[in-house]
Each structure stands twice: as C-alpha cells, then as structure tokens.
PDB file of N, CA and C in Angstrom:
ATOM      1  N   UNK A   1       0.839  -1.164  -0.001  1.00  0.00           N
ATOM      2  CA  UNK A   1       0.001   0.000   0.000  1.00  0.00           C
ATOM      3  C   UNK A   1       0.889   1.236  -0.003  1.00  0.00           C
ATOM      4  N   UNK A   2       0.511   2.216  -0.813  1.00  0.00           N
ATOM      5  CA  UNK A   2       1.285   3.450  -0.923  1.00  0.00           C
ATOM      6  C   UNK A   2       0.363   4.644  -0.705  1.00  0.00           C
ATOM      7  N   UNK A   3       0.991   5.813  -0.504  1.00  0.00           N
ATOM      8  CA  UNK A   3       0.261   7.041  -0.268  1.00  0.00           C
ATOM      9  C   UNK A   3       0.694   8.101  -1.261  1.00  0.00           C
ATOM     10  N   UNK A   4      -0.260   8.927  -1.661  1.00  0.00           N
ATOM     11  CA  UNK A   4       0.019  10.072  -2.533  1.00  0.00           C
ATOM     12  C   UNK A   4      -0.749  11.243  -1.950  1.00  0.00           C
ATOM     13  N   UNK A   5      -0.096  12.403  -1.832  1.00  0.00           N
ATOM     14  CA  UNK A   5      -0.701  13.580  -1.231  1.00  0.00           C
ATOM     15  C   UNK A   5      -0.925  14.654  -2.287  1.00  0.00           C
ATOM     16  N   UNK A   6      -2.069  15.326  -2.175  1.00  0.00           N
ATOM     17  CA  UNK A   6      -2.435  16.392  -3.088  1.00  0.00           C
ATOM     18  C   UNK A   6      -2.882  17.604  -2.289  1.00  0.00           C
ATOM     19  N   UNK A   7      -2.592  18.780  -2.798  1.00  0.00           N
ATOM     20  CA  UNK A   7      -3.111  20.036  -2.257  1.00  0.00           C
ATOM     21  C   UNK A   7      -3.903  20.692  -3.371  1.00  0.00           C
ATOM     22  N   UNK A   8      -5.171  20.995  -3.100  1.00  0.00           N
ATOM     23  CA  UNK A   8      -6.028  21.586  -4.118  1.00  0.00           C
ATOM     24  C   UNK A   8      -6.501  22.944  -3.611  1.00  0.00           C
ATOM     25  N   UNK A   9      -6.070  24.029  -4.256  1.00  0.00           N
ATOM     26  CA  UNK A   9      -6.478  25.366  -3.817  1.00  0.00           C
ATOM     27  C   UNK A   9      -7.996  25.526  -3.864  1.00  0.00           C
ATOM     28  N   UNK A  10      -8.551  26.168  -2.855  1.00  0.00           N
ATOM     29  CA  UNK A  10     -10.001  26.351  -2.790  1.00  0.00           C
ATOM     30  C   UNK A  10     -10.490  27.337  -3.848  1.00  0.00           C
ATOM     31  N   UNK A  11      -9.685  28.311  -4.205  1.00  0.00           N
ATOM     32  CA  UNK A  11     -10.132  29.346  -5.149  1.00  0.00           C
ATOM     33  C   UNK A  11     -10.014  28.950  -6.609  1.00  0.00           C
ATOM     34  N   UNK A  12      -8.953  28.298  -6.996  1.00  0.00           N
ATOM     35  CA  UNK A  12      -8.759  27.897  -8.397  1.00  0.00           C
ATOM     36  C   UNK A  12      -8.320  26.434  -8.427  1.00  0.00           C
ATOM     37  N   UNK A  13      -9.275  25.518  -8.276  1.00  0.00           N
ATOM     38  CA  UNK A  13      -8.924  24.107  -8.128  1.00  0.00           C
ATOM     39  C   UNK A  13      -8.745  23.325  -9.426  1.00  0.00           C
ATOM     40  N   UNK A  14      -9.067  23.892 -10.573  1.00  0.00           N
ATOM     41  CA  UNK A  14      -9.174  23.118 -11.821  1.00  0.00           C
ATOM     42  C   UNK A  14      -7.933  22.305 -12.171  1.00  0.00           C
ATOM     43  N   UNK A  15      -6.764  22.911 -12.195  1.00  0.00           N
ATOM     44  CA  UNK A  15      -5.545  22.189 -12.602  1.00  0.00           C
ATOM     45  C   UNK A  15      -5.222  21.077 -11.609  1.00  0.00           C
ATOM     46  N   UNK A  16      -5.333  21.365 -10.324  1.00  0.00           N
ATOM     47  CA  UNK A  16      -5.027  20.347  -9.310  1.00  0.00           C
ATOM     48  C   UNK A  16      -6.068  19.227  -9.325  1.00  0.00           C
ATOM     49  N   UNK A  17      -7.325  19.564  -9.604  1.00  0.00           N
ATOM     50  CA  UNK A  17      -8.370  18.537  -9.708  1.00  0.00           C
ATOM     51  C   UNK A  17      -8.059  17.573 -10.842  1.00  0.00           C
ATOM     52  N   UNK A  18      -7.620  18.103 -11.968  1.00  0.00           N
ATOM     53  CA  UNK A  18      -7.290  17.257 -13.115  1.00  0.00           C
ATOM     54  C   UNK A  18      -6.143  16.303 -12.777  1.00  0.00           C
ATOM     55  N   UNK A  19      -5.158  16.796 -12.040  1.00  0.00           N
ATOM     56  CA  UNK A  19      -4.031  15.953 -11.625  1.00  0.00           C
ATOM     57  C   UNK A  19      -4.514  14.834 -10.710  1.00  0.00           C
ATOM     58  N   UNK A  20      -5.365  15.164  -9.746  1.00  0.00           N
ATOM     59  CA  UNK A  20      -5.915  14.162  -8.834  1.00  0.00           C
ATOM     60  C   UNK A  20      -6.754  13.136  -9.589  1.00  0.00           C
ATOM     61  N   UNK A  21      -7.626  13.592 -10.470  1.00  0.00           N
ATOM     62  CA  UNK A  21      -8.482  12.679 -11.236  1.00  0.00           C
ATOM     63  C   UNK A  21      -7.666  11.767 -12.142  1.00  0.00           C
ATOM     64  N   UNK A  22      -6.611  12.294 -12.748  1.00  0.00           N
ATOM     65  CA  UNK A  22      -5.748  11.472 -13.607  1.00  0.00           C
ATOM     66  C   UNK A  22      -5.048  10.385 -12.780  1.00  0.00           C
ATOM     67  N   UNK A  23      -4.566  10.755 -11.608  1.00  0.00           N
ATOM     68  CA  UNK A  23      -3.907   9.768 -10.740  1.00  0.00           C
ATOM     69  C   UNK A  23      -4.886   8.670 -10.334  1.00  0.00           C
ATOM     70  N   UNK A  24      -6.084   9.068  -9.913  1.00  0.00           N
ATOM     71  CA  UNK A  24      -7.079   8.089  -9.449  1.00  0.00           C
ATOM     72  C   UNK A  24      -7.541   7.161 -10.565  1.00  0.00           C
ATOM     73  N   UNK A  25      -7.568   7.651 -11.791  1.00  0.00           N
ATOM     74  CA  UNK A  25      -8.010   6.803 -12.903  1.00  0.00           C
ATOM     75  C   UNK A  25      -6.933   5.794 -13.318  1.00  0.00           C
ATOM     76  N   UNK A  26      -5.695   6.009 -12.891  1.00  0.00           N
ATOM     77  CA  UNK A  26      -4.595   5.120 -13.279  1.00  0.00           C
ATOM     78  C   UNK A  26      -4.167   4.160 -12.178  1.00  0.00           C
ATOM     79  N   UNK A  27      -4.749   4.272 -10.984  1.00  0.00           N
ATOM     80  CA  UNK A  27      -4.348   3.437  -9.864  1.00  0.00           C
ATOM     81  C   UNK A  27      -5.571   2.840  -9.180  1.00  0.00           C
ATOM     82  N   UNK A  28      -5.353   1.738  -8.486  1.00  0.00           N
ATOM     83  CA  UNK A  28      -6.425   1.123  -7.698  1.00  0.00           C
ATOM     84  C   UNK A  28      -6.440   1.791  -6.329  1.00  0.00           C
ATOM     85  N   UNK A  29      -7.324   2.764  -6.177  1.00  0.00           N
ATOM     86  CA  UNK A  29      -7.425   3.555  -4.952  1.00  0.00           C
ATOM     87  C   UNK A  29      -8.213   2.769  -3.918  1.00  0.00           C
ATOM     88  N   UNK A  30      -7.659   2.688  -2.691  1.00  0.00           N
ATOM     89  CA  UNK A  30      -8.364   1.970  -1.636  1.00  0.00           C
ATOM     90  C   UNK A  30      -9.001   2.892  -0.616  1.00  0.00           C
ATOM     91  N   UNK A  31      -8.480   4.116  -0.453  1.00  0.00           N
ATOM     92  CA  UNK A  31      -9.055   5.044   0.518  1.00  0.00           C
ATOM     93  C   UNK A  31      -8.623   6.462   0.181  1.00  0.00           C
ATOM     94  N   UNK A  32      -9.521   7.424   0.427  1.00  0.00           N
ATOM     95  CA  UNK A  32      -9.217   8.836   0.238  1.00  0.00           C
ATOM     96  C   UNK A  32      -9.616   9.581   1.505  1.00  0.00           C
ATOM     97  N   UNK A  33      -8.665  10.343   2.052  1.00  0.00           N
ATOM     98  CA  UNK A  33      -8.941  11.168   3.222  1.00  0.00           C
ATOM     99  C   UNK A  33      -8.746  12.616   2.813  1.00  0.00           C
ATOM    100  N   UNK A  34      -9.691  13.466   3.161  1.00  0.00           N
ATOM    101  CA  UNK A  34      -9.600  14.864   2.751  1.00  0.00           C
ATOM    102  C   UNK A  34      -9.945  15.786   3.914  1.00  0.00           C
ATOM    103  N   UNK A  35      -9.258  16.926   3.956  1.00  0.00           N
ATOM    104  CA  UNK A  35      -9.487  17.934   4.985  1.00  0.00           C
ATOM    105  C   UNK A  35      -9.358  19.306   4.346  1.00  0.00           C
ATOM    106  N   UNK A  36     -10.250  20.207   4.721  1.00  0.00           N
ATOM    107  CA  UNK A  36     -10.146  21.595   4.280  1.00  0.00           C
ATOM    108  C   UNK A  36      -9.255  22.338   5.259  1.00  0.00           C
ATOM    109  N   UNK A  37      -8.204  22.941   4.741  1.00  0.00           N
ATOM    110  CA  UNK A  37      -7.308  23.762   5.552  1.00  0.00           C
ATOM    111  C   UNK A  37      -7.745  25.204   5.323  1.00  0.00           C
ATOM    112  N   UNK A  38      -8.438  25.761   6.302  1.00  0.00           N
ATOM    113  CA  UNK A  38      -8.999  27.117   6.179  1.00  0.00           C
ATOM    114  C   UNK A  38      -7.945  28.149   6.562  1.00  0.00           C
ATOM    115  N   UNK A  39      -7.530  28.924   5.563  1.00  0.00           N
ATOM    116  CA  UNK A  39      -6.525  29.961   5.780  1.00  0.00           C
ATOM    117  C   UNK A  39      -6.852  31.168   4.908  1.00  0.00           C
ATOM    118  N   UNK A  40      -8.109  31.609   4.971  1.00  0.00           N
ATOM    119  CA  UNK A  40      -8.534  32.774   4.191  1.00  0.00           C
ATOM    120  C   UNK A  40      -8.343  32.557   2.703  1.00  0.00           C
ATOM    121  N   UNK A  41      -7.642  33.491   2.059  1.00  0.00           N
ATOM    122  CA  UNK A  41      -7.412  33.416   0.613  1.00  0.00           C
ATOM    123  C   UNK A  41      -6.497  32.254   0.242  1.00  0.00           C
ATOM    124  N   UNK A  42      -5.770  31.716   1.215  1.00  0.00           N
ATOM    125  CA  UNK A  42      -4.847  30.610   0.952  1.00  0.00           C
ATOM    126  C   UNK A  42      -5.433  29.253   1.319  1.00  0.00           C
ATOM    127  N   UNK A  43      -6.742  29.150   1.497  1.00  0.00           N
ATOM    128  CA  UNK A  43      -7.383  27.889   1.880  1.00  0.00           C
ATOM    129  C   UNK A  43      -7.196  26.846   0.782  1.00  0.00           C
ATOM    130  N   UNK A  44      -7.068  25.582   1.211  1.00  0.00           N
ATOM    131  CA  UNK A  44      -6.886  24.500   0.246  1.00  0.00           C
ATOM    132  C   UNK A  44      -7.403  23.203   0.848  1.00  0.00           C
ATOM    133  N   UNK A  45      -7.638  22.235  -0.029  1.00  0.00           N
ATOM    134  CA  UNK A  45      -7.985  20.875   0.372  1.00  0.00           C
ATOM    135  C   UNK A  45      -6.706  20.065   0.440  1.00  0.00           C
ATOM    136  N   UNK A  46      -6.510  19.392   1.541  1.00  0.00           N
ATOM    137  CA  UNK A  46      -5.399  18.468   1.689  1.00  0.00           C
ATOM    138  C   UNK A  46      -5.970  17.066   1.518  1.00  0.00           C
ATOM    139  N   UNK A  47      -5.452  16.323   0.538  1.00  0.00           N
ATOM    140  CA  UNK A  47      -6.014  15.022   0.189  1.00  0.00           C
ATOM    141  C   UNK A  47      -4.916  13.968   0.224  1.00  0.00           C
ATOM    142  N   UNK A  48      -5.194  12.887   0.939  1.00  0.00           N
ATOM    143  CA  UNK A  48      -4.294  11.738   1.000  1.00  0.00           C
ATOM    144  C   UNK A  48      -4.990  10.571   0.313  1.00  0.00           C
ATOM    145  N   UNK A  49      -4.363  10.039  -0.722  1.00  0.00           N
ATOM    146  CA  UNK A  49      -4.911   8.906  -1.460  1.00  0.00           C
ATOM    147  C   UNK A  49      -4.071   7.679  -1.131  1.00  0.00           C
ATOM    148  N   UNK A  50      -4.729   6.642  -0.645  1.00  0.00           N
ATOM    149  CA  UNK A  50      -4.070   5.369  -0.373  1.00  0.00           C
ATOM    150  C   UNK A  50      -4.362   4.458  -1.560  1.00  0.00           C
ATOM    151  N   UNK A  51      -3.297   3.881  -2.144  1.00  0.00           N
ATOM    152  CA  UNK A  51      -3.483   3.041  -3.322  1.00  0.00           C
ATOM    153  C   UNK A  51      -2.629   1.798  -3.221  1.00  0.00           C
ATOM    154  N   UNK A  52      -3.033   0.786  -3.954  1.00  0.00           N
ATOM    155  CA  UNK A  52      -2.354  -0.499  -3.930  1.00  0.00           C
ATOM    156  C   UNK A  52      -1.288  -0.529  -5.014  1.00  0.00           C
ATOM    157  N   UNK A  53      -0.086  -0.856  -4.621  1.00  0.00           N
ATOM    158  CA  UNK A  53       1.044  -0.897  -5.528  1.00  0.00           C
ATOM    159  C   UNK A  53       0.952  -2.107  -6.452  1.00  0.00           C
ATOM    160  N   UNK A  54       1.295  -1.918  -7.716  1.00  0.00           N
ATOM    161  CA  UNK A  54       1.353  -3.013  -8.661  1.00  0.00           C
ATOM    162  C   UNK A  54       0.025  -3.405  -9.264  1.00  0.00           C
ATOM    163  N   UNK A  55      -1.034  -2.661  -8.980  1.00  0.00           N
ATOM    164  CA  UNK A  55      -2.339  -2.987  -9.548  1.00  0.00           C
ATOM    165  C   UNK A  55      -2.886  -1.766 -10.262  1.00  0.00           C
ATOM    166  N   UNK A  56      -3.336  -1.970 -11.469  1.00  0.00           N
ATOM    167  CA  UNK A  56      -3.929  -0.892 -12.244  1.00  0.00           C
ATOM    168  C   UNK A  56      -5.374  -0.707 -11.828  1.00  0.00           C
ATOM    169  N   UNK A  57      -5.911   0.445 -12.151  1.00  0.00           N
ATOM    170  CA  UNK A  57      -7.314   0.714 -11.864  1.00  0.00           C
ATOM    171  C   UNK A  57      -8.190  -0.227 -12.690  1.00  0.00           C
ATOM    172  N   UNK A  58      -9.285  -0.670 -12.140  1.00  0.00           N
ATOM    173  CA  UNK A  58     -10.169  -1.547 -12.910  1.00  0.00           C
ATOM    174  C   UNK A  58     -10.805  -0.777 -14.055  1.00  0.00           C
ATOM    175  N   UNK A  59     -10.851  -1.395 -15.213  1.00  0.00           N
ATOM    176  CA  UNK A  59     -11.505  -0.740 -16.341  1.00  0.00           C
ATOM    177  C   UNK A  59     -12.956  -1.202 -16.409  1.00  0.00           C
ATOM    178  N   UNK A  60     -13.782  -0.404 -17.044  1.00  0.00           N
ATOM    179  CA  UNK A  60     -15.208  -0.715 -17.117  1.00  0.00           C
ATOM    180  C   UNK A  60     -15.457  -2.032 -17.858  1.00  0.00           C
ATOM    181  N   UNK A  61     -14.619  -2.365 -18.815  1.00  0.00           N
ATOM    182  CA  UNK A  61     -14.803  -3.581 -19.601  1.00  0.00           C
ATOM    183  C   UNK A  61     -14.472  -4.851 -18.841  1.00  0.00           C
ATOM    184  N   UNK A  62     -13.664  -4.755 -17.804  1.00  0.00           N
ATOM    185  CA  UNK A  62     -13.247  -5.945 -17.058  1.00  0.00           C
ATOM    186  C   UNK A  62     -14.220  -6.331 -15.951  1.00  0.00           C
ATOM    187  N   UNK A  63     -15.274  -5.576 -15.743  1.00  0.00           N
ATOM    188  CA  UNK A  63     -16.163  -5.822 -14.622  1.00  0.00           C
ATOM    189  C   UNK A  63     -17.482  -6.443 -15.058  1.00  0.00           C
ATOM    190  N   UNK A  64     -17.461  -7.248 -16.114  1.00  0.00           N
ATOM    191  CA  UNK A  64     -18.679  -7.887 -16.591  1.00  0.00           C
ATOM    192  C   UNK A  64     -19.016  -9.076 -15.711  1.00  0.00           C
ATOM    193  N   UNK A  65     -20.282  -9.217 -15.400  1.00  0.00           N
ATOM    194  CA  UNK A  65     -20.730 -10.366 -14.633  1.00  0.00           C
ATOM    195  C   UNK A  65     -20.930 -11.532 -15.588  1.00  0.00           C
ATOM    196  N   UNK A  66     -20.700 -12.743 -15.126  1.00  0.00           N
ATOM    197  CA  UNK A  66     -20.924 -13.893 -16.002  1.00  0.00           C
ATOM    198  C   UNK A  66     -22.410 -14.009 -16.322  1.00  0.00           C
ATOM    199  N   UNK A  67     -22.690 -14.402 -17.541  1.00  0.00           N
ATOM    200  CA  UNK A  67     -24.088 -14.524 -17.946  1.00  0.00           C
ATOM    201  C   UNK A  67     -24.711 -15.789 -17.331  1.00  0.00           C
ATOM    202  N   UNK A  68     -25.983 -15.692 -17.063  1.00  0.00           N
ATOM    203  CA  UNK A  68     -26.707 -16.807 -16.455  1.00  0.00           C
ATOM    204  C   UNK A  68     -27.704 -17.350 -17.468  1.00  0.00           C
ATOM    205  N   UNK A  69     -27.676 -18.651 -17.645  1.00  0.00           N
ATOM    206  CA  UNK A  69     -28.621 -19.282 -18.542  1.00  0.00           C
ATOM    207  C   UNK A  69     -29.853 -19.703 -17.725  1.00  0.00           C
ATOM    208  N   UNK A  70     -30.902 -18.938 -17.865  1.00  0.00           N
ATOM    209  CA  UNK A  70     -32.110 -19.186 -17.068  1.00  0.00           C
ATOM    210  C   UNK A  70     -32.905 -20.378 -17.574  1.00  0.00           C
ATOM    211  N   UNK A  71     -32.583 -20.926 -18.731  1.00  0.00           N
ATOM    212  CA  UNK A  71     -33.280 -22.098 -19.248  1.00  0.00           C
ATOM    213  C   UNK A  71     -32.870 -23.371 -18.523  1.00  0.00           C
ATOM    214  N   UNK A  72     -31.730 -23.335 -17.883  1.00  0.00           N
ATOM    215  CA  UNK A  72     -31.222 -24.547 -17.211  1.00  0.00           C
ATOM    216  C   UNK A  72     -31.911 -24.798 -15.896  1.00  0.00           C
TER     217      UNK A  72
END
C-alpha cells in the first residue's frame, strides 16, 4: 500500500483537480482522506490517497458479470 498527497487550492482548483483525477483513474485507490485547511485566501484541500502498488485501476470492460442461462 502506498500514499500520494495532493493540495487543491480552494479558489482555483481546476488544474489540481485534473491531476488528482488522472492519478485516481490510473491506480487502484483503496481510501481517500480529505481535509479543508482554512486559511482565508490561501485555503486549500489536503487530500491523502491510499493506493495499492502493482495494480492498475479496474476498467469498465473488465467488470462484466458472467451470464446466467435461465433455461437450465
């Protein structure tokens, strides 16, 4: 298990959000902890992502359920 930390500014979060979303889409995330650090104009979200090493994120195509033959 590994950790990755992100800081996302409260006022202009777009670029940091894209970085976080890209990371999460490429890794198997097991837990996300987030806290708002309130510091006026310098406020930001502190995010800790826990992910499993050596495993890629599951793709939508790999999560198919086996078909059931109801005639049997």
